[in-house]
N, C-alpha and C. Protein backbone atom coordinates (compact mmCIF):
# COMPACT_ATOMS: atom_id res chain seq x y z
N MET A 1 23.17 182.98 208.31
CA MET A 1 24.52 182.72 207.83
C MET A 1 24.46 182.01 206.48
N PRO A 2 25.16 182.51 205.46
CA PRO A 2 25.13 181.85 204.15
C PRO A 2 25.98 180.57 204.17
N ILE A 3 25.57 179.65 203.34
CA ILE A 3 26.31 178.38 203.22
C ILE A 3 27.52 178.61 202.33
N SER A 4 28.67 178.07 202.74
CA SER A 4 29.88 178.26 201.94
C SER A 4 29.78 177.43 200.66
N LYS A 5 30.33 177.97 199.59
CA LYS A 5 30.29 177.30 198.30
C LYS A 5 31.53 176.44 198.11
N ALA A 6 31.40 175.37 197.35
CA ALA A 6 32.52 174.49 197.05
C ALA A 6 33.48 175.20 196.09
N PRO A 7 34.78 174.94 196.19
CA PRO A 7 35.74 175.61 195.30
C PRO A 7 35.73 175.06 193.88
N TYR A 8 34.85 174.12 193.61
CA TYR A 8 34.76 173.52 192.28
C TYR A 8 33.30 173.37 191.91
N LYS A 9 33.03 173.14 190.66
CA LYS A 9 31.67 172.98 190.19
C LYS A 9 31.36 171.50 190.07
N ARG A 10 30.28 171.08 190.71
CA ARG A 10 29.90 169.67 190.65
C ARG A 10 29.14 169.42 189.36
N THR A 11 29.62 168.48 188.58
CA THR A 11 28.92 168.12 187.36
C THR A 11 28.51 166.66 187.45
N TYR A 12 27.32 166.40 187.02
CA TYR A 12 26.77 165.05 187.07
C TYR A 12 26.12 164.82 185.72
N GLN A 13 26.92 164.49 184.73
CA GLN A 13 26.43 164.42 183.36
C GLN A 13 26.10 162.98 183.00
N HIS A 14 24.83 162.71 182.89
CA HIS A 14 24.41 161.38 182.46
C HIS A 14 24.36 161.34 180.94
N THR A 15 24.62 160.16 180.40
CA THR A 15 24.58 160.02 178.95
C THR A 15 23.21 159.56 178.48
N LYS A 16 22.40 158.98 179.36
CA LYS A 16 21.07 158.52 178.98
C LYS A 16 20.02 159.36 179.70
N ALA A 17 18.81 159.36 179.16
CA ALA A 17 17.74 160.16 179.74
C ALA A 17 17.24 159.56 181.05
N ARG A 18 17.06 158.24 181.11
CA ARG A 18 16.57 157.60 182.33
C ARG A 18 17.10 156.18 182.42
N GLY A 19 16.96 155.62 183.60
CA GLY A 19 17.45 154.26 183.81
C GLY A 19 18.89 154.24 184.27
N ASN A 20 19.45 153.04 184.43
CA ASN A 20 20.82 152.89 184.90
C ASN A 20 21.81 153.14 183.78
N GLU A 21 22.93 153.75 184.14
CA GLU A 21 24.01 153.90 183.18
C GLU A 21 24.81 152.61 183.16
N TYR A 22 25.40 152.34 182.03
CA TYR A 22 26.16 151.10 181.95
C TYR A 22 27.49 151.23 182.66
N HIS A 23 28.01 150.11 183.09
CA HIS A 23 29.24 150.08 183.86
C HIS A 23 30.43 149.75 182.96
N ILE A 24 31.59 150.28 183.34
CA ILE A 24 32.82 150.10 182.58
C ILE A 24 33.87 149.51 183.51
N HIS A 25 34.70 148.62 182.96
CA HIS A 25 35.83 148.09 183.72
C HIS A 25 36.96 149.10 183.70
N CYS A 26 37.55 149.34 184.87
CA CYS A 26 38.72 150.22 184.97
C CYS A 26 39.88 149.54 184.23
N ASP A 27 40.62 150.30 183.43
CA ASP A 27 41.70 149.72 182.64
C ASP A 27 42.92 149.38 183.49
N LEU A 28 43.00 149.89 184.71
CA LEU A 28 44.16 149.58 185.56
C LEU A 28 43.86 148.49 186.58
N CYS A 29 42.77 148.64 187.34
CA CYS A 29 42.48 147.66 188.39
C CYS A 29 41.43 146.63 187.99
N GLY A 30 40.63 146.93 186.96
CA GLY A 30 39.63 145.98 186.49
C GLY A 30 38.30 146.04 187.22
N GLY A 31 38.11 146.99 188.12
CA GLY A 31 36.85 147.10 188.86
C GLY A 31 35.74 147.66 187.99
N LEU A 32 34.49 147.35 188.36
CA LEU A 32 33.32 147.84 187.63
C LEU A 32 32.85 149.16 188.23
N TYR A 33 32.73 150.20 187.40
CA TYR A 33 32.29 151.51 187.86
C TYR A 33 31.33 152.09 186.83
N PRO A 34 30.39 152.95 187.27
CA PRO A 34 29.53 153.64 186.30
C PRO A 34 30.38 154.52 185.39
N ARG A 35 29.93 154.69 184.17
CA ARG A 35 30.72 155.40 183.17
C ARG A 35 30.97 156.85 183.56
N TYR A 36 29.99 157.50 184.19
CA TYR A 36 30.15 158.91 184.52
C TYR A 36 31.16 159.15 185.64
N LYS A 37 31.49 158.10 186.40
CA LYS A 37 32.46 158.26 187.49
C LYS A 37 33.90 158.07 187.03
N THR A 38 34.11 157.58 185.83
CA THR A 38 35.47 157.28 185.37
C THR A 38 36.13 158.53 184.80
N PHE A 39 37.45 158.53 184.78
CA PHE A 39 38.26 159.61 184.24
C PHE A 39 38.99 159.09 183.01
N ILE A 40 39.17 159.94 182.02
CA ILE A 40 39.84 159.56 180.78
C ILE A 40 41.28 160.02 180.84
N ILE A 41 42.21 159.09 180.58
CA ILE A 41 43.64 159.40 180.54
C ILE A 41 44.15 159.00 179.16
N ASN A 42 44.91 159.87 178.51
CA ASN A 42 45.52 159.54 177.23
C ASN A 42 46.97 159.14 177.45
N LYS A 43 47.31 157.90 177.11
CA LYS A 43 48.68 157.42 177.23
C LYS A 43 49.29 157.41 175.84
N LYS A 44 50.49 157.92 175.71
CA LYS A 44 51.16 157.98 174.41
C LYS A 44 52.23 156.89 174.32
N PHE A 45 52.42 156.39 173.13
CA PHE A 45 53.42 155.37 172.86
C PHE A 45 54.64 156.06 172.27
N SER A 46 55.82 155.75 172.81
CA SER A 46 57.04 156.34 172.27
C SER A 46 58.15 155.30 172.24
N ILE A 47 59.07 155.46 171.30
CA ILE A 47 60.22 154.56 171.16
C ILE A 47 61.43 155.28 171.73
N LYS A 48 62.08 154.65 172.72
CA LYS A 48 63.23 155.28 173.37
C LYS A 48 64.53 154.52 173.13
N ASP A 49 64.46 153.36 172.48
CA ASP A 49 65.65 152.56 172.23
C ASP A 49 66.48 153.20 171.12
N PRO A 50 67.75 153.58 171.39
CA PRO A 50 68.54 154.26 170.37
C PRO A 50 68.87 153.39 169.16
N LEU A 51 68.97 152.06 169.34
CA LEU A 51 69.27 151.18 168.22
C LEU A 51 68.13 151.13 167.22
N ILE A 52 66.92 151.12 167.72
CA ILE A 52 65.76 151.11 166.83
C ILE A 52 65.63 152.45 166.12
N LEU A 53 65.89 153.54 166.83
CA LEU A 53 65.76 154.87 166.23
C LEU A 53 66.79 155.11 165.13
N LYS A 54 67.98 154.48 165.24
CA LYS A 54 69.00 154.63 164.20
C LYS A 54 68.59 153.93 162.90
N ASN A 55 68.00 152.73 163.04
CA ASN A 55 67.71 151.90 161.88
C ASN A 55 66.40 152.23 161.19
N VAL A 56 65.50 152.95 161.88
CA VAL A 56 64.17 153.22 161.33
C VAL A 56 64.04 154.71 161.03
N ASN A 57 63.43 155.01 159.91
CA ASN A 57 63.16 156.39 159.55
C ASN A 57 62.05 156.92 160.46
N PRO A 58 62.27 157.98 161.23
CA PRO A 58 61.24 158.47 162.16
C PRO A 58 59.99 158.99 161.47
N ASN A 59 60.10 159.36 160.18
CA ASN A 59 58.92 159.85 159.46
C ASN A 59 57.96 158.72 159.12
N LEU A 60 58.48 157.49 159.04
CA LEU A 60 57.63 156.36 158.68
C LEU A 60 56.93 155.74 159.88
N VAL A 61 57.40 156.05 161.10
CA VAL A 61 56.82 155.48 162.31
C VAL A 61 55.69 156.38 162.80
N SER A 62 54.52 155.81 163.00
CA SER A 62 53.41 156.61 163.53
C SER A 62 53.22 156.25 165.00
N LEU A 63 53.30 157.24 165.85
CA LEU A 63 53.13 157.05 167.28
C LEU A 63 51.70 157.39 167.65
N SER A 64 51.02 156.45 168.29
CA SER A 64 49.61 156.65 168.60
C SER A 64 49.42 156.82 170.10
N SER A 65 48.24 157.30 170.46
CA SER A 65 47.90 157.42 171.87
C SER A 65 46.71 156.52 172.16
N VAL A 66 46.64 156.03 173.39
CA VAL A 66 45.57 155.11 173.81
C VAL A 66 44.72 155.83 174.84
N LYS A 67 43.40 155.70 174.72
CA LYS A 67 42.48 156.31 175.67
C LYS A 67 42.13 155.28 176.74
N LEU A 68 42.47 155.59 178.00
CA LEU A 68 42.20 154.70 179.13
C LEU A 68 41.10 155.30 179.99
N ARG A 69 40.17 154.47 180.43
CA ARG A 69 39.15 154.89 181.40
C ARG A 69 39.57 154.36 182.76
N VAL A 70 39.71 155.26 183.73
CA VAL A 70 40.27 154.94 185.04
C VAL A 70 39.26 155.27 186.12
N CYS A 71 39.15 154.41 187.14
CA CYS A 71 38.23 154.63 188.25
C CYS A 71 38.77 155.74 189.16
N PRO A 72 37.95 156.29 190.05
CA PRO A 72 38.41 157.37 190.94
C PRO A 72 39.58 156.95 191.84
N LYS A 73 39.59 155.70 192.28
CA LYS A 73 40.65 155.22 193.16
C LYS A 73 42.00 155.24 192.45
N CYS A 74 42.03 154.72 191.24
CA CYS A 74 43.28 154.70 190.47
C CYS A 74 43.68 156.11 190.02
N ALA A 75 42.69 156.96 189.75
CA ALA A 75 42.99 158.34 189.34
C ALA A 75 43.65 159.11 190.48
N ARG A 76 43.22 158.85 191.72
CA ARG A 76 43.86 159.49 192.88
C ARG A 76 45.28 158.97 193.03
N PHE A 77 45.48 157.68 192.81
CA PHE A 77 46.82 157.08 192.95
C PHE A 77 47.79 157.65 191.91
N LEU A 78 47.31 157.88 190.69
CA LEU A 78 48.16 158.42 189.63
C LEU A 78 48.35 159.92 189.74
N GLY A 79 47.55 160.59 190.56
CA GLY A 79 47.68 162.04 190.71
C GLY A 79 46.86 162.83 189.72
N VAL A 80 45.91 162.19 189.06
CA VAL A 80 45.05 162.88 188.11
C VAL A 80 44.04 163.74 188.86
N VAL A 81 43.54 163.25 190.00
CA VAL A 81 42.51 163.91 190.78
C VAL A 81 43.01 164.09 192.20
N GLN A 82 42.55 165.14 192.87
CA GLN A 82 42.91 165.35 194.27
C GLN A 82 42.20 164.32 195.15
N PRO A 83 42.78 163.97 196.29
CA PRO A 83 42.09 163.08 197.22
C PRO A 83 40.85 163.74 197.80
N GLY A 84 40.03 162.97 198.50
CA GLY A 84 38.78 163.48 199.07
C GLY A 84 39.00 164.52 200.15
N LYS A 85 37.92 165.15 200.58
CA LYS A 85 37.98 166.27 201.53
C LYS A 85 38.54 165.83 202.89
N ALA A 86 38.18 164.64 203.36
CA ALA A 86 38.66 164.19 204.67
C ALA A 86 40.17 163.98 204.66
N VAL A 87 40.69 163.47 203.57
CA VAL A 87 42.14 163.25 203.48
C VAL A 87 42.88 164.57 203.36
N ARG A 88 42.30 165.53 202.63
CA ARG A 88 42.94 166.84 202.51
C ARG A 88 42.98 167.54 203.86
N LYS A 89 41.95 167.37 204.70
CA LYS A 89 41.97 167.97 206.05
C LYS A 89 43.08 167.36 206.89
N LYS A 90 43.27 166.05 206.78
CA LYS A 90 44.32 165.38 207.56
C LYS A 90 45.70 165.87 207.15
N LEU A 91 45.90 166.09 205.86
CA LEU A 91 47.21 166.52 205.36
C LEU A 91 47.55 167.94 205.82
N LYS A 92 46.53 168.79 206.05
CA LYS A 92 46.79 170.16 206.48
C LYS A 92 47.30 170.23 207.91
N MET A 93 46.87 169.27 208.74
CA MET A 93 47.24 169.33 210.16
C MET A 93 48.69 169.11 210.38
């Protein structure tokens, strides 16, 4: 009997050739996680106040985006990543 394949491709991309990878603090919860386990989220800054938009020329305002590194736990909470296999099985029942 052949072994069933996963519906996704597992990638394990290390940035260094050998040794431990450095750890990064999650930008939401502050926990320490290896860099390869974190997910990158781009948050954009926008102005929604109508009083400010009336008084300021929109061409002069530069809106930037911030790169956040998020741990797997926070990424699941935000909906960036699907929950684990055991939780998905429970939800199907």
